[in-house]
Amino acid sequence: MRAVLQRVISAAVKIDGETVGQIDKGLLILLGIHGDDTEEDLHYLVEKIVHLRIFEDENNKMNLSLLDIDGSALVVSQFTLYADTRRGRRPGFSSAAAPEVAEPMYRRFCEALKAYGIPVATGRFGADMDVQLINQGPVTIIIDSEQRLTPRRQ
């Protein structure tokens, strides 16, 4: 599971000109789900995201987490995070989870964030969306569950 986190002042998702999700201060989370991802990957990513200290404290140091600032999350499913560009000029997406696997996992990811008390807005799974954001910093961080310190169980 892969997430691109963008620290934002505000972010919104529009579909056909209609705003379907928006937040103020918090994180825009672009979420890619791999075909081999498990609940362990999901929980690792959620834990990492809610506790990651990437918001500034009173001394302008990145010392505060999403929980500390009472921030929100806008979660947008993005299978293109698993683009394979090693060959040719058109990316392949065969390692991304199939929609029937990815959509329920995407929903569980959002529910796991909500369980921490994080207000969560979303786009619409599988829709063509326009994402608007004001990236604060700018701060953009990529987290991949495949790179965690504790190895996956085989």
N, C-alpha and C. Protein backbone atom coordinates (compact mmCIF):
# COMPACT_ATOMS: atom_id res chain seq x y z
N MET A 1 0.86 -1.16 0.00
CA MET A 1 0.00 0.00 0.00
C MET A 1 0.91 1.22 0.00
N ARG A 2 0.54 2.18 -0.80
CA ARG A 2 1.37 3.37 -0.98
C ARG A 2 0.51 4.60 -0.80
N ALA A 3 1.06 5.59 -0.08
CA ALA A 3 0.33 6.84 0.12
C ALA A 3 1.25 8.02 -0.16
N VAL A 4 0.71 8.99 -0.86
CA VAL A 4 1.38 10.28 -1.02
C VAL A 4 0.63 11.24 -0.13
N LEU A 5 1.35 11.81 0.85
CA LEU A 5 0.74 12.73 1.80
C LEU A 5 1.14 14.14 1.42
N GLN A 6 0.17 15.01 1.36
CA GLN A 6 0.46 16.42 1.13
C GLN A 6 -0.16 17.21 2.27
N ARG A 7 0.70 17.95 2.98
CA ARG A 7 0.22 18.80 4.08
C ARG A 7 -0.47 19.99 3.44
N VAL A 8 -1.73 20.19 3.79
CA VAL A 8 -2.52 21.21 3.10
C VAL A 8 -3.16 22.20 4.06
N ILE A 9 -3.38 23.40 3.53
CA ILE A 9 -4.20 24.40 4.20
C ILE A 9 -5.66 24.10 3.86
N SER A 10 -5.87 23.63 2.63
CA SER A 10 -7.20 23.19 2.20
C SER A 10 -7.04 22.30 0.98
N ALA A 11 -8.04 21.44 0.77
CA ALA A 11 -8.05 20.56 -0.39
C ALA A 11 -9.49 20.18 -0.70
N ALA A 12 -9.75 19.93 -1.97
CA ALA A 12 -11.11 19.56 -2.39
C ALA A 12 -11.04 18.64 -3.60
N VAL A 13 -12.07 17.82 -3.74
CA VAL A 13 -12.23 16.95 -4.90
C VAL A 13 -13.55 17.31 -5.56
N LYS A 14 -13.47 17.49 -6.88
CA LYS A 14 -14.68 17.78 -7.66
C LYS A 14 -14.87 16.70 -8.71
N ILE A 15 -16.13 16.37 -8.93
CA ILE A 15 -16.51 15.45 -10.01
C ILE A 15 -17.57 16.16 -10.83
N ASP A 16 -17.29 16.31 -12.11
CA ASP A 16 -18.20 17.04 -13.01
C ASP A 16 -18.56 18.42 -12.45
N GLY A 17 -17.57 19.10 -11.87
CA GLY A 17 -17.78 20.45 -11.36
C GLY A 17 -18.41 20.53 -9.98
N GLU A 18 -18.84 19.41 -9.43
CA GLU A 18 -19.46 19.39 -8.10
C GLU A 18 -18.46 18.94 -7.05
N THR A 19 -18.34 19.71 -5.97
CA THR A 19 -17.44 19.33 -4.88
C THR A 19 -18.05 18.18 -4.11
N VAL A 20 -17.31 17.06 -4.05
CA VAL A 20 -17.81 15.88 -3.35
C VAL A 20 -17.07 15.64 -2.03
N GLY A 21 -15.93 16.29 -1.85
CA GLY A 21 -15.19 16.18 -0.60
C GLY A 21 -14.24 17.34 -0.46
N GLN A 22 -14.15 17.89 0.77
CA GLN A 22 -13.20 18.97 0.99
C GLN A 22 -12.83 19.04 2.46
N ILE A 23 -11.62 19.55 2.70
CA ILE A 23 -11.12 19.72 4.06
C ILE A 23 -10.41 21.07 4.17
N ASP A 24 -10.22 21.49 5.40
CA ASP A 24 -9.34 22.60 5.68
C ASP A 24 -8.00 21.99 6.10
N LYS A 25 -7.36 22.51 7.10
CA LYS A 25 -6.02 22.07 7.49
C LYS A 25 -5.95 20.56 7.76
N GLY A 26 -4.96 19.93 7.15
CA GLY A 26 -4.78 18.50 7.34
C GLY A 26 -3.94 17.88 6.26
N LEU A 27 -4.35 16.69 5.83
CA LEU A 27 -3.60 15.95 4.82
C LEU A 27 -4.48 15.55 3.65
N LEU A 28 -3.98 15.78 2.46
CA LEU A 28 -4.52 15.15 1.26
C LEU A 28 -3.75 13.84 1.14
N ILE A 29 -4.46 12.74 1.11
CA ILE A 29 -3.83 11.42 1.03
C ILE A 29 -4.24 10.77 -0.28
N LEU A 30 -3.26 10.61 -1.18
CA LEU A 30 -3.48 9.87 -2.41
C LEU A 30 -3.09 8.43 -2.09
N LEU A 31 -4.03 7.50 -2.22
CA LEU A 31 -3.84 6.13 -1.73
C LEU A 31 -3.84 5.13 -2.88
N GLY A 32 -2.74 4.41 -3.00
CA GLY A 32 -2.63 3.33 -3.99
C GLY A 32 -2.62 1.99 -3.28
N ILE A 33 -3.36 1.04 -3.82
CA ILE A 33 -3.45 -0.28 -3.19
C ILE A 33 -2.90 -1.32 -4.15
N HIS A 34 -1.93 -2.07 -3.66
CA HIS A 34 -1.26 -3.12 -4.43
C HIS A 34 -2.10 -4.40 -4.37
N GLY A 35 -1.97 -5.21 -5.37
CA GLY A 35 -2.71 -6.46 -5.42
C GLY A 35 -2.42 -7.41 -4.29
N ASP A 36 -1.25 -7.30 -3.66
CA ASP A 36 -0.87 -8.20 -2.56
C ASP A 36 -1.05 -7.57 -1.18
N ASP A 37 -1.63 -6.38 -1.10
CA ASP A 37 -1.77 -5.72 0.19
C ASP A 37 -2.72 -6.47 1.12
N THR A 38 -2.41 -6.36 2.42
CA THR A 38 -3.18 -7.04 3.45
C THR A 38 -3.69 -6.03 4.47
N GLU A 39 -4.47 -6.51 5.43
CA GLU A 39 -4.93 -5.66 6.52
C GLU A 39 -3.74 -5.14 7.33
N GLU A 40 -2.68 -5.92 7.40
CA GLU A 40 -1.47 -5.49 8.10
C GLU A 40 -0.87 -4.25 7.42
N ASP A 41 -0.86 -4.24 6.10
CA ASP A 41 -0.38 -3.07 5.36
C ASP A 41 -1.26 -1.86 5.65
N LEU A 42 -2.55 -2.07 5.65
CA LEU A 42 -3.50 -0.99 5.90
C LEU A 42 -3.27 -0.38 7.29
N HIS A 43 -3.18 -1.23 8.30
CA HIS A 43 -3.02 -0.72 9.66
C HIS A 43 -1.66 -0.05 9.86
N TYR A 44 -0.63 -0.59 9.23
CA TYR A 44 0.68 0.06 9.29
C TYR A 44 0.59 1.48 8.74
N LEU A 45 -0.01 1.63 7.57
CA LEU A 45 -0.09 2.94 6.93
C LEU A 45 -0.92 3.92 7.76
N VAL A 46 -2.05 3.49 8.26
CA VAL A 46 -2.90 4.36 9.07
C VAL A 46 -2.14 4.82 10.31
N GLU A 47 -1.51 3.88 11.02
CA GLU A 47 -0.74 4.22 12.22
C GLU A 47 0.35 5.24 11.90
N LYS A 48 1.07 5.00 10.83
CA LYS A 48 2.16 5.89 10.44
C LYS A 48 1.62 7.28 10.12
N ILE A 49 0.55 7.34 9.37
CA ILE A 49 -0.01 8.62 8.92
C ILE A 49 -0.54 9.45 10.09
N VAL A 50 -1.32 8.87 10.97
CA VAL A 50 -1.93 9.68 12.04
C VAL A 50 -0.91 10.16 13.06
N HIS A 51 0.22 9.46 13.18
CA HIS A 51 1.22 9.83 14.17
C HIS A 51 2.44 10.54 13.58
N LEU A 52 2.52 10.64 12.27
CA LEU A 52 3.67 11.26 11.63
C LEU A 52 3.74 12.74 11.99
N ARG A 53 4.86 13.17 12.50
CA ARG A 53 5.01 14.55 12.97
C ARG A 53 5.50 15.44 11.82
N ILE A 54 4.55 15.97 11.06
CA ILE A 54 4.90 16.79 9.90
C ILE A 54 4.24 18.17 9.93
N PHE A 55 3.59 18.48 11.04
CA PHE A 55 2.99 19.81 11.21
C PHE A 55 3.85 20.60 12.19
N GLU A 56 3.94 21.89 11.96
CA GLU A 56 4.84 22.73 12.75
C GLU A 56 4.25 23.09 14.12
N ASP A 57 5.14 23.11 15.10
CA ASP A 57 4.76 23.56 16.44
C ASP A 57 5.00 25.07 16.55
N GLU A 58 4.93 25.59 17.77
CA GLU A 58 5.10 27.04 17.97
C GLU A 58 6.51 27.52 17.65
N ASN A 59 7.48 26.60 17.54
CA ASN A 59 8.86 26.95 17.20
C ASN A 59 9.18 26.68 15.73
N ASN A 60 8.14 26.46 14.93
CA ASN A 60 8.29 26.17 13.50
C ASN A 60 9.07 24.89 13.22
N LYS A 61 9.00 23.94 14.13
CA LYS A 61 9.62 22.62 13.96
C LYS A 61 8.52 21.61 13.65
N MET A 62 8.80 20.68 12.78
CA MET A 62 7.84 19.61 12.48
C MET A 62 7.79 18.67 13.68
N ASN A 63 6.88 18.95 14.59
CA ASN A 63 6.77 18.19 15.82
C ASN A 63 5.37 17.70 16.10
N LEU A 64 4.40 18.09 15.29
CA LEU A 64 3.01 17.77 15.58
C LEU A 64 2.43 16.83 14.52
N SER A 65 1.56 15.95 14.98
CA SER A 65 0.91 14.99 14.09
C SER A 65 -0.47 15.49 13.69
N LEU A 66 -1.09 14.76 12.80
CA LEU A 66 -2.47 15.05 12.39
C LEU A 66 -3.39 15.04 13.61
N LEU A 67 -3.16 14.12 14.53
CA LEU A 67 -3.94 14.05 15.76
C LEU A 67 -3.71 15.28 16.62
N ASP A 68 -2.46 15.72 16.72
CA ASP A 68 -2.12 16.87 17.57
C ASP A 68 -2.79 18.16 17.12
N ILE A 69 -2.96 18.32 15.80
CA ILE A 69 -3.51 19.58 15.29
C ILE A 69 -5.01 19.50 15.05
N ASP A 70 -5.62 18.36 15.40
CA ASP A 70 -7.04 18.14 15.11
C ASP A 70 -7.33 18.37 13.62
N GLY A 71 -6.44 17.83 12.79
CA GLY A 71 -6.56 17.99 11.34
C GLY A 71 -7.51 16.99 10.72
N SER A 72 -7.80 17.23 9.47
CA SER A 72 -8.69 16.37 8.68
C SER A 72 -7.89 15.66 7.60
N ALA A 73 -8.52 14.69 6.97
CA ALA A 73 -7.90 13.97 5.85
C ALA A 73 -8.87 13.92 4.68
N LEU A 74 -8.34 14.19 3.51
CA LEU A 74 -9.07 13.99 2.26
C LEU A 74 -8.38 12.82 1.58
N VAL A 75 -9.07 11.70 1.45
CA VAL A 75 -8.47 10.47 0.92
C VAL A 75 -8.99 10.22 -0.49
N VAL A 76 -8.05 10.12 -1.43
CA VAL A 76 -8.39 9.92 -2.83
C VAL A 76 -7.70 8.64 -3.30
N SER A 77 -8.49 7.70 -3.79
CA SER A 77 -7.94 6.46 -4.33
C SER A 77 -7.21 6.76 -5.63
N GLN A 78 -5.99 6.21 -5.77
CA GLN A 78 -5.21 6.50 -6.96
C GLN A 78 -4.37 5.30 -7.36
N PHE A 79 -4.94 4.46 -8.23
CA PHE A 79 -4.24 3.25 -8.66
C PHE A 79 -2.97 3.57 -9.42
N THR A 80 -2.86 4.78 -9.98
CA THR A 80 -1.69 5.14 -10.77
C THR A 80 -0.41 5.24 -9.93
N LEU A 81 -0.53 5.19 -8.61
CA LEU A 81 0.66 5.17 -7.77
C LEU A 81 1.45 3.88 -7.96
N TYR A 82 0.82 2.88 -8.58
CA TYR A 82 1.50 1.63 -8.89
C TYR A 82 1.82 1.50 -10.37
N ALA A 83 2.04 2.62 -11.02
CA ALA A 83 2.43 2.61 -12.43
C ALA A 83 3.80 1.96 -12.59
N ASP A 84 3.91 1.10 -13.58
CA ASP A 84 5.19 0.49 -13.94
C ASP A 84 5.64 1.16 -15.24
N THR A 85 6.72 1.93 -15.15
CA THR A 85 7.20 2.69 -16.32
C THR A 85 8.53 2.16 -16.84
N ARG A 86 8.90 0.95 -16.46
CA ARG A 86 10.21 0.42 -16.84
C ARG A 86 10.31 0.13 -18.33
N ARG A 87 9.21 -0.19 -18.98
CA ARG A 87 9.26 -0.54 -20.41
C ARG A 87 8.30 0.33 -21.20
N GLY A 88 8.73 0.66 -22.39
CA GLY A 88 7.86 1.40 -23.29
C GLY A 88 7.54 2.79 -22.80
N ARG A 89 6.51 3.35 -23.37
CA ARG A 89 6.14 4.73 -23.05
C ARG A 89 4.78 4.84 -22.38
N ARG A 90 4.05 3.73 -22.34
CA ARG A 90 2.77 3.74 -21.65
C ARG A 90 2.91 2.95 -20.36
N PRO A 91 2.54 3.55 -19.22
CA PRO A 91 2.68 2.82 -17.95
C PRO A 91 1.74 1.62 -17.88
N GLY A 92 2.20 0.61 -17.18
CA GLY A 92 1.37 -0.55 -16.89
C GLY A 92 0.89 -0.48 -15.45
N PHE A 93 -0.26 -1.07 -15.19
CA PHE A 93 -0.85 -0.98 -13.85
C PHE A 93 -1.22 -2.35 -13.29
N SER A 94 -0.55 -3.39 -13.77
CA SER A 94 -0.94 -4.76 -13.39
C SER A 94 -0.68 -5.06 -11.92
N SER A 95 0.18 -4.31 -11.25
CA SER A 95 0.41 -4.61 -9.83
C SER A 95 -0.60 -3.90 -8.90
N ALA A 96 -1.36 -2.96 -9.44
CA ALA A 96 -2.41 -2.32 -8.65
C ALA A 96 -3.53 -3.34 -8.40
N ALA A 97 -4.14 -3.24 -7.24
CA ALA A 97 -5.23 -4.15 -6.90
C ALA A 97 -6.41 -3.93 -7.85
N ALA A 98 -7.09 -5.00 -8.17
CA ALA A 98 -8.31 -4.92 -8.98
C ALA A 98 -9.36 -4.13 -8.20
N PRO A 99 -10.25 -3.43 -8.90
CA PRO A 99 -11.25 -2.60 -8.21
C PRO A 99 -12.06 -3.34 -7.15
N GLU A 100 -12.40 -4.59 -7.39
CA GLU A 100 -13.22 -5.33 -6.42
C GLU A 100 -12.44 -5.64 -5.13
N VAL A 101 -11.12 -5.57 -5.18
CA VAL A 101 -10.28 -5.72 -4.00
C VAL A 101 -9.95 -4.35 -3.41
N ALA A 102 -9.61 -3.42 -4.29
CA ALA A 102 -9.14 -2.10 -3.85
C ALA A 102 -10.23 -1.27 -3.18
N GLU A 103 -11.44 -1.29 -3.72
CA GLU A 103 -12.48 -0.42 -3.16
C GLU A 103 -12.82 -0.74 -1.71
N PRO A 104 -13.04 -2.02 -1.37
CA PRO A 104 -13.31 -2.30 0.06
C PRO A 104 -12.13 -1.95 0.96
N MET A 105 -10.91 -2.13 0.47
CA MET A 105 -9.74 -1.79 1.28
C MET A 105 -9.63 -0.27 1.45
N TYR A 106 -9.92 0.46 0.40
CA TYR A 106 -9.95 1.92 0.46
C TYR A 106 -10.96 2.37 1.52
N ARG A 107 -12.13 1.78 1.52
CA ARG A 107 -13.17 2.14 2.50
C ARG A 107 -12.73 1.79 3.93
N ARG A 108 -12.08 0.64 4.10
CA ARG A 108 -11.58 0.26 5.43
C ARG A 108 -10.48 1.21 5.89
N PHE A 109 -9.65 1.66 4.97
CA PHE A 109 -8.61 2.64 5.30
C PHE A 109 -9.25 3.91 5.84
N CYS A 110 -10.27 4.40 5.16
CA CYS A 110 -10.97 5.62 5.62
C CYS A 110 -11.61 5.40 6.98
N GLU A 111 -12.23 4.25 7.18
CA GLU A 111 -12.86 3.95 8.47
C GLU A 111 -11.82 3.86 9.58
N ALA A 112 -10.63 3.32 9.27
CA ALA A 112 -9.58 3.23 10.28
C ALA A 112 -9.09 4.62 10.69
N LEU A 113 -9.01 5.55 9.75
CA LEU A 113 -8.67 6.93 10.10
C LEU A 113 -9.75 7.53 11.00
N LYS A 114 -11.00 7.30 10.63
CA LYS A 114 -12.12 7.83 11.43
C LYS A 114 -12.10 7.28 12.85
N ALA A 115 -11.65 6.03 13.02
CA ALA A 115 -11.59 5.42 14.34
C ALA A 115 -10.63 6.17 15.27
N TYR A 116 -9.70 6.91 14.70
CA TYR A 116 -8.80 7.76 15.49
C TYR A 116 -9.42 9.13 15.76
N GLY A 117 -10.61 9.37 15.27
CA GLY A 117 -11.26 10.66 15.46
C GLY A 117 -10.90 11.67 14.38
N ILE A 118 -10.27 11.21 13.31
CA ILE A 118 -9.89 12.10 12.21
C ILE A 118 -11.12 12.31 11.32
N PRO A 119 -11.53 13.56 11.09
CA PRO A 119 -12.58 13.81 10.11
C PRO A 119 -12.06 13.45 8.71
N VAL A 120 -12.81 12.63 7.99
CA VAL A 120 -12.36 12.13 6.68
C VAL A 120 -13.36 12.52 5.60
N ALA A 121 -12.82 13.13 4.55
CA ALA A 121 -13.60 13.39 3.33
C ALA A 121 -12.99 12.51 2.25
N THR A 122 -13.76 12.20 1.23
CA THR A 122 -13.27 11.33 0.17
C THR A 122 -13.68 11.86 -1.20
N GLY A 123 -13.02 11.29 -2.18
CA GLY A 123 -13.48 11.44 -3.55
C GLY A 123 -14.48 10.33 -3.80
N ARG A 124 -14.60 9.89 -5.03
CA ARG A 124 -15.47 8.76 -5.38
C ARG A 124 -14.62 7.72 -6.07
N PHE A 125 -14.59 6.54 -5.52
CA PHE A 125 -13.74 5.48 -6.04
C PHE A 125 -14.02 5.25 -7.53
N GLY A 126 -12.95 5.25 -8.32
CA GLY A 126 -13.05 4.95 -9.75
C GLY A 126 -13.51 6.10 -10.63
N ALA A 127 -13.86 7.23 -10.02
CA ALA A 127 -14.35 8.37 -10.81
C ALA A 127 -13.19 9.19 -11.35
N ASP A 128 -13.47 9.94 -12.40
CA ASP A 128 -12.52 10.92 -12.92
C ASP A 128 -12.70 12.17 -12.07
N MET A 129 -11.68 12.52 -11.30
CA MET A 129 -11.80 13.59 -10.30
C MET A 129 -10.82 14.72 -10.58
N ASP A 130 -11.22 15.91 -10.19
CA ASP A 130 -10.33 17.07 -10.18
C ASP A 130 -9.98 17.34 -8.73
N VAL A 131 -8.68 17.36 -8.42
CA VAL A 131 -8.23 17.57 -7.06
C VAL A 131 -7.58 18.95 -6.98
N GLN A 132 -8.06 19.74 -6.04
CA GLN A 132 -7.50 21.07 -5.80
C GLN A 132 -6.89 21.08 -4.41
N LEU A 133 -5.74 21.74 -4.26
CA LEU A 133 -5.12 21.80 -2.95
C LEU A 133 -4.22 23.01 -2.84
N ILE A 134 -4.05 23.42 -1.61
CA ILE A 134 -3.01 24.39 -1.27
C ILE A 134 -2.06 23.64 -0.36
N ASN A 135 -0.91 23.25 -0.93
CA ASN A 135 0.10 22.48 -0.22
C ASN A 135 0.89 23.42 0.66
N GLN A 136 0.87 23.17 1.96
CA GLN A 136 1.54 24.05 2.91
C GLN A 136 2.98 23.60 3.11
N GLY A 137 3.91 24.47 2.83
CA GLY A 137 5.32 24.17 3.04
C GLY A 137 6.17 24.48 1.82
N PRO A 138 6.07 23.76 0.75
CA PRO A 138 5.28 22.54 0.55
C PRO A 138 5.88 21.34 1.27
N VAL A 139 4.99 20.50 1.77
CA VAL A 139 5.40 19.25 2.39
C VAL A 139 4.66 18.12 1.67
N THR A 140 5.42 17.24 1.05
CA THR A 140 4.87 16.06 0.37
C THR A 140 5.74 14.87 0.75
N ILE A 141 5.11 13.82 1.27
CA ILE A 141 5.84 12.64 1.76
C ILE A 141 5.19 11.39 1.19
N ILE A 142 6.03 10.44 0.78
CA ILE A 142 5.54 9.16 0.26
C ILE A 142 5.82 8.08 1.30
N ILE A 143 4.81 7.30 1.60
CA ILE A 143 4.96 6.18 2.53
C ILE A 143 4.51 4.92 1.81
N ASP A 144 5.32 3.88 1.88
CA ASP A 144 5.02 2.61 1.24
C ASP A 144 5.11 1.52 2.29
N SER A 145 4.05 0.76 2.47
CA SER A 145 4.05 -0.29 3.50
C SER A 145 5.10 -1.36 3.20
N GLU A 146 5.53 -1.47 1.98
CA GLU A 146 6.55 -2.43 1.59
C GLU A 146 7.91 -2.06 2.19
N GLN A 147 8.08 -0.82 2.62
CA GLN A 147 9.36 -0.36 3.14
C GLN A 147 9.40 -0.30 4.67
N ARG A 148 8.41 -0.86 5.33
CA ARG A 148 8.42 -0.81 6.79
C ARG A 148 9.54 -1.68 7.34
N LEU A 149 9.90 -1.41 8.58
CA LEU A 149 11.03 -2.10 9.18
C LEU A 149 10.72 -3.56 9.50
N THR A 150 9.48 -3.85 9.89
CA THR A 150 9.12 -5.23 10.17
C THR A 150 8.68 -5.87 8.86
N PRO A 151 9.32 -6.96 8.47
CA PRO A 151 9.01 -7.56 7.16
C PRO A 151 7.60 -8.15 7.13
N ARG A 152 7.08 -8.23 5.91
CA ARG A 152 5.79 -8.91 5.70
C ARG A 152 5.92 -10.37 6.03
N ARG A 153 4.83 -10.93 6.52
CA ARG A 153 4.82 -12.38 6.75
C ARG A 153 4.68 -13.06 5.40
N GLN A 154 5.44 -14.11 5.21
CA GLN A 154 5.42 -14.85 3.94
C GLN A 154 4.46 -16.00 4.03
